[in-house]
Amino acid sequence: MTHPWFPDSPCGPGCLPGPGSPRAGTHLVVLRLSRAVALLLLGVALAVVFALLRGSLRTALVRAWFRALLRAFGVRFVVRGELGSSGCLVVTDHVSWLDVVALMAVRPMRLLAKIELRAWPVVGPLATRVGTLYIDRERLSALPAAIGALADALRGGAVVGAFPEGTTWCGRASGRYRPAVFQAALDAGVPVRPVALRFRTGAGEPTTVAAFVGAATLLDSVLAVARARDLVVEFEVLPELATGSRAELARRARHAVARATSAAERHPAHRHRCAPHPLPSAA
């Protein structure tokens, strides 16, 4: 059951590259998937080690594993800027499961994820073991407890990543940022750090090949990424936001990310497929 405020996205198959788009060869796809499966199995074994390690060694090991996963899929990863080491809320647009991989490849952090993730095979147990916080999007009554847990984690010095759109969009359009998660940052007295994630081809053109939208399954999305030719993920850390109401922080964070990704300005031909909300004015 859903409610009137349940996050919704108009993005679907029409937002994705057509069947004639360049793809990696079959042998390369098989190699990528084999490497990814091997890494996932290694991750299950390492999960016990992760729980025992502390400090910089654990951070380095987790970051190395996620970077290796990007390389396994043939993704080139470009990072601009640095994230803080403690006590901040990291927010970005939600396009794909690759968003999570990219965040963890830069700075291992706790994540706020939909509660359904906890039941996913392999990924769910791993996510829970590394401290993922869960939110039940279908139960408004559960929201205060989820935001309270998020605020407690931030108060304790954790870096927490969240996707305020509440669901995935294709990357060429984006949804409004829900203000609830920003209340947790205000309650904890920590800054908000917006991050811009851009998905490009090797030639520098924007691409939606990584988008996890519509009725696609996780397997569909994984296969699409494995078949992608020369996929580049760019990660840019934007200036932090520290003051304002939760609604103001939500608007300013979305505006900062939208300006950095230029989703609305660069792709007017895409608007008939999934029209983005108008960008808010700078606050």
Protein backbone atom coordinates (compact mmCIF):
# COMPACT_ATOMS: atom_id res chain seq x y z
CA MET A 1 0.00 0.00 0.00
CA THR A 2 1.21 3.52 -0.79
CA HIS A 3 0.20 6.95 0.51
CA PRO A 4 -0.26 10.35 -1.20
CA TRP A 5 3.31 11.38 -0.31
CA PHE A 6 4.90 8.16 -1.56
CA PRO A 7 7.94 9.01 -3.75
CA ASP A 8 7.15 8.55 -7.43
CA SER A 9 9.15 8.97 -10.62
CA PRO A 10 7.86 9.19 -14.21
CA CYS A 11 11.12 7.73 -15.55
CA GLY A 12 10.84 4.40 -17.33
CA PRO A 13 12.09 2.46 -20.38
CA GLY A 14 11.64 5.52 -22.62
CA CYS A 15 14.40 7.27 -20.69
CA LEU A 16 16.98 4.55 -21.42
CA PRO A 17 19.29 4.25 -24.44
CA GLY A 18 17.69 2.52 -27.42
CA PRO A 19 18.50 -1.03 -28.59
CA GLY A 20 20.93 0.30 -31.21
CA SER A 21 23.19 1.94 -28.61
CA PRO A 22 26.85 0.78 -28.51
CA ARG A 23 27.41 -2.21 -26.23
CA ALA A 24 30.38 -4.14 -24.94
CA GLY A 25 31.06 -7.50 -26.57
CA THR A 26 29.67 -10.70 -25.06
CA HIS A 27 33.06 -11.94 -23.89
CA LEU A 28 33.69 -8.65 -22.05
CA VAL A 29 30.24 -8.74 -20.44
CA VAL A 30 30.88 -12.29 -19.19
CA LEU A 31 34.27 -11.25 -17.84
CA ARG A 32 32.78 -8.25 -16.02
CA LEU A 33 29.99 -10.28 -14.46
CA SER A 34 32.44 -12.99 -13.39
CA ARG A 35 34.68 -10.43 -11.70
CA ALA A 36 31.67 -8.83 -9.97
CA VAL A 37 30.40 -12.18 -8.67
CA ALA A 38 33.88 -13.03 -7.37
CA LEU A 39 34.03 -9.70 -5.57
CA LEU A 40 30.58 -10.18 -4.03
CA LEU A 41 31.62 -13.58 -2.71
CA LEU A 42 34.80 -12.03 -1.35
CA GLY A 43 32.65 -9.31 0.22
CA VAL A 44 30.60 -11.89 2.09
CA ALA A 45 33.80 -13.34 3.52
CA LEU A 46 35.19 -9.91 4.34
CA ALA A 47 31.99 -8.80 6.08
CA VAL A 48 33.14 -10.56 9.25
CA VAL A 49 36.50 -8.81 9.01
CA PHE A 50 34.82 -5.42 8.44
CA ALA A 51 32.95 -5.82 11.72
CA LEU A 52 36.18 -6.44 13.63
CA LEU A 53 38.25 -3.63 12.13
CA ARG A 54 38.17 -0.01 13.24
CA GLY A 55 39.52 3.31 12.05
CA SER A 56 41.56 4.00 8.94
CA LEU A 57 42.27 0.35 8.13
CA ARG A 58 38.57 -0.49 7.89
CA THR A 59 37.89 2.66 5.85
CA ALA A 60 40.69 1.84 3.41
CA LEU A 61 39.54 -1.78 3.00
CA VAL A 62 35.89 -0.87 2.39
CA ARG A 63 36.82 1.88 -0.06
CA ALA A 64 39.19 -0.45 -1.94
CA TRP A 65 36.47 -3.13 -2.26
CA PHE A 66 33.93 -0.70 -3.75
CA ARG A 67 36.50 0.77 -6.13
CA ALA A 68 37.36 -2.75 -7.23
CA LEU A 69 33.65 -3.35 -7.91
CA LEU A 70 33.53 -0.31 -10.19
CA ARG A 71 36.59 -1.58 -12.05
CA ALA A 72 35.02 -5.03 -12.32
CA PHE A 73 32.15 -3.49 -14.30
CA GLY A 74 34.55 -1.51 -16.47
CA VAL A 75 33.46 1.81 -14.95
CA ARG A 76 35.98 4.67 -14.96
CA PHE A 77 35.60 6.67 -11.75
CA VAL A 78 36.50 10.38 -11.53
CA VAL A 79 36.43 12.15 -8.15
CA ARG A 80 36.58 15.91 -7.55
CA GLY A 81 36.77 17.22 -3.99
CA GLU A 82 36.84 15.56 -0.59
CA LEU A 83 34.14 14.57 1.87
CA GLY A 84 34.40 15.37 5.55
CA SER A 85 35.62 12.68 7.91
CA SER A 86 32.79 12.88 10.44
CA GLY A 87 29.39 14.26 11.30
CA CYS A 88 27.75 15.28 8.03
CA LEU A 89 24.74 14.34 5.90
CA VAL A 90 25.70 13.56 2.29
CA VAL A 91 22.87 13.97 -0.22
CA THR A 92 22.68 13.37 -3.96
CA ASP A 93 20.29 12.46 -6.78
CA HIS A 94 19.29 8.80 -6.98
CA VAL A 95 19.84 7.18 -10.38
CA SER A 96 21.12 3.68 -9.77
CA TRP A 97 22.62 1.18 -7.35
CA LEU A 98 25.89 2.60 -8.71
CA ASP A 99 25.19 5.72 -6.61
CA VAL A 100 25.76 3.66 -3.48
CA VAL A 101 28.92 2.08 -4.89
CA ALA A 102 30.29 5.52 -5.83
CA LEU A 103 29.60 7.01 -2.39
CA MET A 104 31.27 4.10 -0.63
CA ALA A 105 34.22 4.19 -3.04
CA VAL A 106 34.95 7.76 -1.99
CA ARG A 107 34.23 7.70 1.71
CA PRO A 108 32.77 4.61 3.43
CA MET A 109 29.67 5.80 5.29
CA ARG A 110 26.38 4.68 6.72
CA LEU A 111 23.51 4.89 4.25
CA LEU A 112 19.79 5.54 4.57
CA ALA A 113 18.08 2.95 2.35
CA LYS A 114 14.62 1.62 1.64
CA ILE A 115 13.72 -1.24 3.95
CA GLU A 116 13.27 -3.63 1.00
CA LEU A 117 17.06 -3.66 0.57
CA ARG A 118 17.43 -5.60 3.79
CA ALA A 119 15.80 -8.66 2.15
CA TRP A 120 18.00 -8.65 -0.99
CA PRO A 121 20.26 -11.72 -1.25
CA VAL A 122 23.94 -11.09 -0.47
CA VAL A 123 23.56 -7.29 -0.71
CA GLY A 124 21.08 -7.05 2.18
CA PRO A 125 23.19 -8.81 4.81
CA LEU A 126 26.27 -6.90 3.69
CA ALA A 127 24.41 -3.57 3.92
CA THR A 128 23.11 -4.35 7.39
CA ARG A 129 26.54 -5.43 8.63
CA VAL A 130 28.15 -2.13 7.59
CA GLY A 131 25.54 -0.09 9.48
CA THR A 132 22.89 0.81 6.91
CA LEU A 133 19.87 2.66 8.30
CA TYR A 134 16.49 1.70 6.87
CA ILE A 135 13.32 3.64 6.11
CA ASP A 136 9.91 2.18 5.30
CA ARG A 137 8.57 4.45 2.57
CA GLU A 138 5.11 2.88 2.70
CA ARG A 139 4.51 3.63 6.39
CA LEU A 140 4.37 7.31 7.28
CA SER A 141 4.04 6.31 10.93
CA ALA A 142 7.57 4.85 10.79
CA LEU A 143 9.14 8.07 9.50
CA PRO A 144 9.78 9.81 12.88
CA ALA A 145 11.66 6.76 14.22
CA ALA A 146 13.76 6.53 11.05
CA ILE A 147 14.66 10.23 11.18
CA GLY A 148 15.43 9.89 14.89
CA ALA A 149 17.83 7.01 14.20
CA LEU A 150 19.44 9.06 11.43
CA ALA A 151 19.90 12.04 13.76
CA ASP A 152 21.42 9.79 16.45
CA ALA A 153 23.93 8.42 13.94
CA LEU A 154 24.90 11.94 12.84
CA ARG A 155 25.18 13.08 16.45
CA GLY A 156 27.56 10.21 17.06
CA GLY A 157 29.91 11.53 14.38
CA ALA A 158 28.86 9.29 11.49
CA VAL A 159 28.90 10.35 7.87
CA VAL A 160 25.52 9.30 6.48
CA GLY A 161 24.48 9.22 2.83
CA ALA A 162 20.87 9.72 1.77
CA PHE A 163 18.86 10.09 -1.44
CA PRO A 164 16.20 12.73 -0.68
CA GLU A 165 14.24 12.09 -3.90
CA GLY A 166 13.11 8.86 -2.24
CA THR A 167 13.20 6.91 -5.51
CA THR A 168 15.29 6.66 -8.66
CA TRP A 169 15.16 9.03 -11.63
CA CYS A 170 17.03 8.65 -14.92
CA GLY A 171 19.65 11.36 -14.32
CA ARG A 172 18.55 13.63 -17.15
CA ALA A 173 15.62 14.66 -15.01
CA SER A 174 15.34 14.72 -11.23
CA GLY A 175 12.70 14.88 -8.52
CA ARG A 176 12.25 17.26 -5.62
CA TYR A 177 14.19 16.59 -2.44
CA ARG A 178 11.96 15.52 0.47
CA PRO A 179 12.79 17.64 3.53
CA ALA A 180 12.49 14.96 6.24
CA VAL A 181 16.12 13.77 6.10
CA PHE A 182 17.32 17.37 6.41
CA GLN A 183 15.51 17.61 9.73
CA ALA A 184 17.88 14.95 11.05
CA ALA A 185 20.89 17.11 10.13
CA LEU A 186 19.31 20.10 11.90
CA ASP A 187 18.50 18.03 14.99
CA ALA A 188 22.06 16.71 15.11
CA GLY A 189 23.64 20.10 14.40
CA VAL A 190 25.71 18.84 11.46
CA PRO A 191 26.19 20.26 7.94
CA VAL A 192 24.66 18.95 4.73
CA ARG A 193 27.12 18.07 1.95
CA PRO A 194 25.54 17.84 -1.53
CA VAL A 195 27.27 15.62 -4.10
CA ALA A 196 26.83 15.70 -7.88
CA LEU A 197 26.97 12.35 -9.68
CA ARG A 198 27.24 12.44 -13.46
CA PHE A 199 27.06 9.42 -15.77
CA ARG A 200 28.87 9.84 -19.10
CA THR A 201 30.20 7.89 -22.04
CA GLY A 202 33.90 7.74 -22.80
CA ALA A 203 33.32 10.56 -25.29
CA GLY A 204 31.96 12.79 -22.51
CA GLU A 205 28.28 12.59 -23.51
CA PRO A 206 25.64 12.19 -20.76
CA THR A 207 24.07 8.73 -20.65
CA THR A 208 21.16 7.09 -18.84
CA VAL A 209 22.51 3.57 -19.31
CA ALA A 210 22.99 3.11 -15.55
CA ALA A 211 19.50 4.29 -14.59
CA PHE A 212 17.52 1.81 -12.46
CA VAL A 213 13.99 2.95 -13.32
CA GLY A 214 10.52 1.70 -14.20
CA ALA A 215 9.80 -2.00 -13.80
CA ALA A 216 13.45 -3.02 -14.24
CA THR A 217 14.77 -5.57 -11.77
CA LEU A 218 18.15 -5.35 -10.07
CA LEU A 219 19.40 -8.05 -12.46
CA ASP A 220 18.23 -5.98 -15.46
CA SER A 221 20.14 -2.98 -14.18
CA VAL A 222 23.29 -4.97 -13.41
CA LEU A 223 23.27 -6.43 -16.92
CA ALA A 224 22.77 -2.98 -18.46
CA VAL A 225 25.84 -1.66 -16.62
CA ALA A 226 27.87 -4.75 -17.57
CA ARG A 227 26.96 -4.20 -21.24
CA ALA A 228 27.77 -0.47 -21.19
CA ARG A 229 30.70 0.64 -23.29
CA ASP A 230 33.15 3.09 -21.67
CA LEU A 231 30.88 4.18 -18.81
CA VAL A 232 32.31 7.03 -16.74
CA VAL A 233 30.97 8.05 -13.32
CA GLU A 234 31.96 11.53 -12.16
CA PHE A 235 31.71 12.35 -8.46
CA GLU A 236 31.89 16.01 -7.42
CA VAL A 237 31.73 17.23 -3.82
CA LEU A 238 29.83 20.53 -3.59
CA PRO A 239 30.02 23.25 -0.88
CA GLU A 240 28.37 22.34 2.39
CA LEU A 241 25.11 23.81 3.65
CA ALA A 242 24.82 24.49 7.36
CA THR A 243 21.92 26.89 7.99
CA GLY A 244 18.24 27.22 7.13
CA SER A 245 15.01 25.36 7.73
CA ARG A 246 14.69 21.79 6.53
CA ALA A 247 12.67 22.95 3.51
CA GLU A 248 15.31 25.56 2.66
CA LEU A 249 18.12 23.02 2.99
CA ALA A 250 16.22 20.63 0.71
CA ARG A 251 15.70 23.31 -1.94
CA ARG A 252 19.27 24.57 -1.78
CA ALA A 253 20.77 21.08 -1.90
CA ARG A 254 18.68 20.12 -4.92
CA HIS A 255 19.50 23.40 -6.64
CA ALA A 256 23.24 22.88 -6.06
CA VAL A 257 23.14 19.33 -7.45
CA ALA A 258 20.94 20.33 -10.39
CA ARG A 259 23.29 23.17 -11.33
CA ALA A 260 26.31 20.88 -11.13
CA THR A 261 24.70 18.18 -13.25
CA SER A 262 22.81 20.67 -15.46
CA ALA A 263 20.15 18.00 -16.01
CA ALA A 264 17.41 20.40 -17.07
CA GLU A 265 19.49 22.81 -19.15
CA ARG A 266 21.53 20.39 -21.25
CA HIS A 267 18.82 18.02 -22.37
CA PRO A 268 15.70 19.84 -23.64
CA ALA A 269 14.90 16.97 -26.04
CA HIS A 270 14.51 14.65 -23.07
CA ARG A 271 11.72 16.61 -21.40
CA HIS A 272 8.90 14.93 -23.29
CA ARG A 273 9.90 11.61 -21.74
CA CYS A 274 10.13 12.57 -18.08
CA ALA A 275 9.83 16.27 -17.45
CA PRO A 276 11.81 17.42 -14.40
CA HIS A 277 10.27 19.65 -11.77
CA PRO A 278 11.28 23.31 -12.22
CA LEU A 279 14.51 24.10 -10.44
CA PRO A 280 14.04 26.12 -7.25
CA SER A 281 15.53 29.57 -7.07
CA ALA A 282 18.74 29.90 -5.07
CA ALA A 283 18.09 30.41 -1.39
